[in-house]
PDB file of N, CA and C in Angstrom:
ATOM      1  N   MET A   1      -4.842   7.689 -11.945  1.00  0.00           N
ATOM      2  CA  MET A   1      -5.664   6.720 -11.056  1.00  0.00           C
ATOM      3  C   MET A   1      -5.217   5.515 -11.798  1.00  0.00           C
ATOM      4  N   LYS A   2      -5.121   4.483 -10.857  1.00  0.00           N
ATOM      5  CA  LYS A   2      -4.666   3.078 -11.120  1.00  0.00           C
ATOM      6  C   LYS A   2      -5.647   1.951 -10.355  1.00  0.00           C
ATOM      7  N   VAL A   3      -5.720   0.876 -10.944  1.00  0.00           N
ATOM      8  CA  VAL A   3      -6.473  -0.106 -10.393  1.00  0.00           C
ATOM      9  C   VAL A   3      -5.721  -1.070  -9.973  1.00  0.00           C
ATOM     10  N   VAL A   4      -5.997  -1.559  -8.703  1.00  0.00           N
ATOM     11  CA  VAL A   4      -5.156  -2.535  -8.162  1.00  0.00           C
ATOM     12  C   VAL A   4      -6.045  -3.719  -7.718  1.00  0.00           C
ATOM     13  N   GLU A   5      -5.447  -5.027  -8.227  1.00  0.00           N
ATOM     14  CA  GLU A   5      -6.251  -6.225  -7.895  1.00  0.00           C
ATOM     15  C   GLU A   5      -6.200  -6.707  -6.522  1.00  0.00           C
ATOM     16  N   VAL A   6      -7.185  -6.738  -5.614  1.00  0.00           N
ATOM     17  CA  VAL A   6      -7.099  -7.302  -4.317  1.00  0.00           C
ATOM     18  C   VAL A   6      -8.245  -8.502  -4.253  1.00  0.00           C
ATOM     19  N   ALA A   7      -8.141  -9.297  -3.263  1.00  0.00           N
ATOM     20  CA  ALA A   7      -9.037 -10.342  -2.953  1.00  0.00           C
ATOM     21  C   ALA A   7     -10.365  -9.852  -2.835  1.00  0.00           C
ATOM     22  N   GLY A   8     -11.273 -10.494  -3.467  1.00  0.00           N
ATOM     23  CA  GLY A   8     -12.720 -10.013  -3.551  1.00  0.00           C
ATOM     24  C   GLY A   8     -13.307  -9.762  -4.864  1.00  0.00           C
ATOM     25  N   PRO A   9     -14.597  -9.390  -4.972  1.00  0.00           N
ATOM     26  CA  PRO A   9     -15.127  -9.082  -6.296  1.00  0.00           C
ATOM     27  C   PRO A   9     -14.849  -7.865  -6.883  1.00  0.00           C
ATOM     28  N   CYS A  10     -14.434  -6.915  -6.352  1.00  0.00           N
ATOM     29  CA  CYS A  10     -14.164  -5.573  -6.884  1.00  0.00           C
ATOM     30  C   CYS A  10     -12.630  -4.993  -6.840  1.00  0.00           C
ATOM     31  N   PRO A  11     -12.166  -4.675  -7.944  1.00  0.00           N
ATOM     32  CA  PRO A  11     -10.801  -3.999  -8.012  1.00  0.00           C
ATOM     33  C   PRO A  11     -10.939  -2.673  -7.280  1.00  0.00           C
ATOM     34  N   VAL A  12      -9.769  -2.264  -6.652  1.00  0.00           N
ATOM     35  CA  VAL A  12      -9.677  -0.891  -5.850  1.00  0.00           C
ATOM     36  C   VAL A  12      -8.909   0.104  -6.841  1.00  0.00           C
ATOM     37  N   MET A  13      -9.569   1.246  -6.762  1.00  0.00           N
ATOM     38  CA  MET A  13      -8.942   2.372  -7.526  1.00  0.00           C
ATOM     39  C   MET A  13      -8.052   3.188  -6.516  1.00  0.00           C
ATOM     40  N   ILE A  14      -6.869   3.541  -6.861  1.00  0.00           N
ATOM     41  CA  ILE A  14      -5.996   4.234  -5.951  1.00  0.00           C
ATOM     42  C   ILE A  14      -5.579   5.403  -6.857  1.00  0.00           C
ATOM     43  N   SER A  15      -5.194   6.565  -6.201  1.00  0.00           N
ATOM     44  CA  SER A  15      -4.531   7.724  -6.913  1.00  0.00           C
ATOM     45  C   SER A  15      -3.184   7.563  -7.296  1.00  0.00           C
ATOM     46  N   ASN A  16      -2.625   8.433  -8.049  1.00  0.00           N
ATOM     47  CA  ASN A  16      -1.271   8.445  -8.501  1.00  0.00           C
ATOM     48  C   ASN A  16      -0.293   8.395  -7.351  1.00  0.00           C
ATOM     49  N   LYS A  17      -0.437   9.200  -6.270  1.00  0.00           N
ATOM     50  CA  LYS A  17       0.379   9.208  -5.199  1.00  0.00           C
ATOM     51  C   LYS A  17       0.376   7.912  -4.443  1.00  0.00           C
ATOM     52  N   GLU A  18      -0.839   7.400  -4.159  1.00  0.00           N
ATOM     53  CA  GLU A  18      -0.945   6.133  -3.535  1.00  0.00           C
ATOM     54  C   GLU A  18      -0.349   5.046  -4.395  1.00  0.00           C
ATOM     55  N   ALA A  19      -0.300   5.126  -5.739  1.00  0.00           N
ATOM     56  CA  ALA A  19       0.090   4.137  -6.666  1.00  0.00           C
ATOM     57  C   ALA A  19       1.750   4.196  -6.501  1.00  0.00           C
ATOM     58  N   SER A  20       2.499   5.367  -6.316  1.00  0.00           N
ATOM     59  CA  SER A  20       3.817   5.358  -6.181  1.00  0.00           C
ATOM     60  C   SER A  20       4.271   4.947  -4.804  1.00  0.00           C
ATOM     61  N   VAL A  21       3.616   5.113  -3.830  1.00  0.00           N
ATOM     62  CA  VAL A  21       3.776   4.465  -2.485  1.00  0.00           C
ATOM     63  C   VAL A  21       3.593   2.806  -2.559  1.00  0.00           C
ATOM     64  N   TYR A  22       2.564   2.523  -3.275  1.00  0.00           N
ATOM     65  CA  TYR A  22       2.293   1.138  -3.412  1.00  0.00           C
ATOM     66  C   TYR A  22       3.280   0.329  -4.171  1.00  0.00           C
ATOM     67  N   ASP A  23       3.803   1.002  -5.280  1.00  0.00           N
ATOM     68  CA  ASP A  23       4.897   0.375  -5.991  1.00  0.00           C
ATOM     69  C   ASP A  23       6.307   0.266  -5.130  1.00  0.00           C
ATOM     70  N   LYS A  24       6.477   1.340  -4.411  1.00  0.00           N
ATOM     71  CA  LYS A  24       7.669   1.311  -3.510  1.00  0.00           C
ATOM     72  C   LYS A  24       7.517   0.149  -2.361  1.00  0.00           C
ATOM     73  N   ILE A  25       6.343   0.035  -1.904  1.00  0.00           N
ATOM     74  CA  ILE A  25       6.303  -1.086  -1.088  1.00  0.00           C
ATOM     75  C   ILE A  25       6.359  -2.510  -1.653  1.00  0.00           C
ATOM     76  N   CYS A  26       5.750  -2.673  -2.870  1.00  0.00           N
ATOM     77  CA  CYS A  26       6.037  -3.826  -3.613  1.00  0.00           C
ATOM     78  C   CYS A  26       7.298  -4.148  -4.146  1.00  0.00           C
ATOM     79  N   GLY A  27       8.080  -3.149  -4.506  1.00  0.00           N
ATOM     80  CA  GLY A  27       9.305  -3.152  -5.002  1.00  0.00           C
ATOM     81  C   GLY A  27      10.322  -3.802  -4.022  1.00  0.00           C
ATOM     82  N   LYS A  28      10.214  -3.497  -2.820  1.00  0.00           N
ATOM     83  CA  LYS A  28      11.140  -3.877  -1.863  1.00  0.00           C
ATOM     84  C   LYS A  28      10.691  -5.356  -1.142  1.00  0.00           C
ATOM     85  N   GLN A  29       9.492  -5.767  -1.535  1.00  0.00           N
ATOM     86  CA  GLN A  29       8.996  -7.018  -0.807  1.00  0.00           C
ATOM     87  C   GLN A  29       8.712  -6.566   0.684  1.00  0.00           C
ATOM     88  N   GLY A  30       8.142  -5.476   0.792  1.00  0.00           N
ATOM     89  CA  GLY A  30       7.810  -4.927   2.113  1.00  0.00           C
ATOM     90  C   GLY A  30       8.730  -3.947   2.369  1.00  0.00           C
ATOM     91  N   CYS A  31       8.406  -2.909   3.368  1.00  0.00           N
ATOM     92  CA  CYS A  31       9.221  -1.856   3.787  1.00  0.00           C
ATOM     93  C   CYS A  31       8.847  -1.497   5.247  1.00  0.00           C
ATOM     94  N   THR A  32       9.594  -0.789   6.010  1.00  0.00           N
ATOM     95  CA  THR A  32       9.459  -0.402   7.331  1.00  0.00           C
ATOM     96  C   THR A  32       8.946   1.094   7.333  1.00  0.00           C
ATOM     97  N   LYS A  33       8.535   1.613   8.551  1.00  0.00           N
ATOM     98  CA  LYS A  33       8.019   3.027   8.548  1.00  0.00           C
ATOM     99  C   LYS A  33       9.219   3.788   8.172  1.00  0.00           C
ATOM    100  N   GLU A  34      10.440   3.441   8.690  1.00  0.00           N
ATOM    101  CA  GLU A  34      11.558   4.380   8.412  1.00  0.00           C
ATOM    102  C   GLU A  34      12.053   4.416   6.954  1.00  0.00           C
ATOM    103  N   ASP A  35      11.619   3.510   6.066  1.00  0.00           N
ATOM    104  CA  ASP A  35      11.869   3.624   4.694  1.00  0.00           C
ATOM    105  C   ASP A  35      11.114   4.709   3.970  1.00  0.00           C
ATOM    106  N   LEU A  36       9.998   5.108   4.771  1.00  0.00           N
ATOM    107  CA  LEU A  36       8.906   6.134   4.101  1.00  0.00           C
ATOM    108  C   LEU A  36       8.916   7.496   4.612  1.00  0.00           C
ATOM    109  N   SER A  37       8.737   8.386   4.034  1.00  0.00           N
ATOM    110  CA  SER A  37       8.604   9.825   4.363  1.00  0.00           C
ATOM    111  C   SER A  37       7.302  10.043   5.275  1.00  0.00           C
ATOM    112  N   GLU A  38       7.288  11.163   5.878  1.00  0.00           N
ATOM    113  CA  GLU A  38       5.958  11.559   6.674  1.00  0.00           C
ATOM    114  C   GLU A  38       4.744  11.390   5.780  1.00  0.00           C
ATOM    115  N   ARG A  39       4.886  11.881   4.584  1.00  0.00           N
ATOM    116  CA  ARG A  39       3.574  11.883   3.793  1.00  0.00           C
ATOM    117  C   ARG A  39       3.366  10.521   3.189  1.00  0.00           C
ATOM    118  N   GLU A  40       4.414   9.680   2.977  1.00  0.00           N
ATOM    119  CA  GLU A  40       4.124   8.445   2.334  1.00  0.00           C
ATOM    120  C   GLU A  40       3.630   7.635   3.521  1.00  0.00           C
ATOM    121  N   LYS A  41       3.897   7.758   4.953  1.00  0.00           N
ATOM    122  CA  LYS A  41       3.350   7.146   5.831  1.00  0.00           C
ATOM    123  C   LYS A  41       1.768   7.247   5.939  1.00  0.00           C
ATOM    124  N   MET A  42       1.380   8.610   5.937  1.00  0.00           N
ATOM    125  CA  MET A  42       0.063   8.892   5.814  1.00  0.00           C
ATOM    126  C   MET A  42      -0.788   8.141   4.713  1.00  0.00           C
ATOM    127  N   VAL A  43      -0.086   8.059   3.409  1.00  0.00           N
ATOM    128  CA  VAL A  43      -0.603   7.442   2.314  1.00  0.00           C
ATOM    129  C   VAL A  43      -0.668   5.958   2.556  1.00  0.00           C
ATOM    130  N   ALA A  44       0.202   5.398   3.167  1.00  0.00           N
ATOM    131  CA  ALA A  44       0.318   3.904   3.425  1.00  0.00           C
ATOM    132  C   ALA A  44      -0.832   3.596   4.439  1.00  0.00           C
ATOM    133  N   LYS A  45      -1.198   4.561   5.360  1.00  0.00           N
ATOM    134  CA  LYS A  45      -2.285   4.390   6.308  1.00  0.00           C
ATOM    135  C   LYS A  45      -3.737   4.276   5.412  1.00  0.00           C
ATOM    136  N   HIS A  46      -3.634   5.159   4.492  1.00  0.00           N
ATOM    137  CA  HIS A  46      -4.952   5.107   3.702  1.00  0.00           C
ATOM    138  C   HIS A  46      -5.171   3.765   2.855  1.00  0.00           C
ATOM    139  N   LEU A  47      -3.831   3.257   2.330  1.00  0.00           N
ATOM    140  CA  LEU A  47      -3.892   2.005   1.722  1.00  0.00           C
ATOM    141  C   LEU A  47      -4.374   0.888   2.545  1.00  0.00           C
ATOM    142  N   ILE A  48      -3.906   0.882   3.677  1.00  0.00           N
ATOM    143  CA  ILE A  48      -4.299  -0.117   4.800  1.00  0.00           C
ATOM    144  C   ILE A  48      -5.799  -0.149   4.874  1.00  0.00           C
ATOM    145  N   GLY A  49      -6.282   1.018   4.940  1.00  0.00           N
ATOM    146  CA  GLY A  49      -7.851   1.336   5.057  1.00  0.00           C
ATOM    147  C   GLY A  49      -8.628   0.717   3.897  1.00  0.00           C
ATOM    148  N   LYS A  50      -8.017   0.906   2.683  1.00  0.00           N
ATOM    149  CA  LYS A  50      -8.578   0.515   1.555  1.00  0.00           C
ATOM    150  C   LYS A  50      -8.421  -1.064   1.415  1.00  0.00           C
ATOM    151  N   GLY A  51      -7.517  -1.650   2.127  1.00  0.00           N
ATOM    152  CA  GLY A  51      -7.241  -3.162   2.005  1.00  0.00           C
ATOM    153  C   GLY A  51      -6.265  -3.484   0.909  1.00  0.00           C
ATOM    154  N   VAL A  52      -5.532  -2.580   0.564  1.00  0.00           N
ATOM    155  CA  VAL A  52      -4.457  -2.788  -0.606  1.00  0.00           C
ATOM    156  C   VAL A  52      -3.203  -3.130   0.170  1.00  0.00           C
ATOM    157  N   VAL A  53      -2.847  -2.527   1.425  1.00  0.00           N
ATOM    158  CA  VAL A  53      -1.592  -2.853   1.992  1.00  0.00           C
ATOM    159  C   VAL A  53      -1.958  -3.388   3.322  1.00  0.00           C
ATOM    160  N   ASP A  54      -1.041  -4.374   3.873  1.00  0.00           N
ATOM    161  CA  ASP A  54      -1.188  -4.888   5.176  1.00  0.00           C
ATOM    162  C   ASP A  54       0.130  -4.486   5.989  1.00  0.00           C
ATOM    163  N   ARG A  55      -0.281  -4.309   7.165  1.00  0.00           N
ATOM    164  CA  ARG A  55       0.821  -4.067   8.273  1.00  0.00           C
ATOM    165  C   ARG A  55       1.123  -5.154   9.270  1.00  0.00           C
ATOM    166  N   ILE A  56       2.261  -5.737   9.053  1.00  0.00           N
ATOM    167  CA  ILE A  56       2.448  -6.897   9.889  1.00  0.00           C
ATOM    168  C   ILE A  56       3.813  -6.827  10.557  1.00  0.00           C
ATOM    169  N   ASN A  57       3.759  -6.659  11.893  1.00  0.00           N
ATOM    170  CA  ASN A  57       5.011  -6.614  12.970  1.00  0.00           C
ATOM    171  C   ASN A  57       5.803  -5.269  12.491  1.00  0.00           C
ATOM    172  N   GLY A  58       5.074  -4.166  12.248  1.00  0.00           N
ATOM    173  CA  GLY A  58       5.719  -2.863  11.882  1.00  0.00           C
ATOM    174  C   GLY A  58       6.178  -2.712  10.415  1.00  0.00           C
ATOM    175  N   ARG A  59       5.921  -3.607   9.548  1.00  0.00           N
ATOM    176  CA  ARG A  59       6.330  -3.703   8.013  1.00  0.00           C
ATOM    177  C   ARG A  59       5.188  -3.550   7.442  1.00  0.00           C
ATOM    178  N   PHE A  60       5.210  -2.927   6.165  1.00  0.00           N
ATOM    179  CA  PHE A  60       4.111  -2.839   5.237  1.00  0.00           C
ATOM    180  C   PHE A  60       4.295  -3.703   4.241  1.00  0.00           C
ATOM    181  N   TYR A  61       3.252  -4.500   3.793  1.00  0.00           N
ATOM    182  CA  TYR A  61       3.365  -5.541   2.713  1.00  0.00           C
ATOM    183  C   TYR A  61       2.166  -5.320   1.686  1.00  0.00           C
ATOM    184  N   PRO A  62       2.243  -5.632   0.571  1.00  0.00           N
ATOM    185  CA  PRO A  62       1.079  -5.772  -0.396  1.00  0.00           C
ATOM    186  C   PRO A  62       0.183  -6.686   0.149  1.00  0.00           C
ATOM    187  N   SER A  63      -1.090  -6.475   0.094  1.00  0.00           N
ATOM    188  CA  SER A  63      -2.172  -7.375   0.638  1.00  0.00           C
ATOM    189  C   SER A  63      -2.512  -8.403  -0.493  1.00  0.00           C
ATOM    190  N   PHE A  64      -2.499  -9.677  -0.039  1.00  0.00           N
ATOM    191  CA  PHE A  64      -2.847 -10.798  -0.796  1.00  0.00           C
ATOM    192  C   PHE A  64      -3.869 -11.712  -0.129  1.00  0.00           C
ATOM    193  N   ARG A  65      -4.756 -11.047   0.306  1.00  0.00           N
ATOM    194  CA  ARG A  65      -5.941 -11.817   1.065  1.00  0.00           C
ATOM    195  C   ARG A  65      -6.818 -12.629   0.120  1.00  0.00           C
TER     196      ARG A  65
END
């Protein structure tokens, strides 16, 4: 488990697999769907739901709300 700081009062807990996808997105300053495998795309959707990642114009970016 990993804790990610996002805007708001509470940090968000993410799993190890989510952390690896999050690190991949952060390391490239955002990435496209083509950069991710099918499983990583599903994990990215979960991260969007948690508010950790934003999808803007078809690219995934770390959330800094």
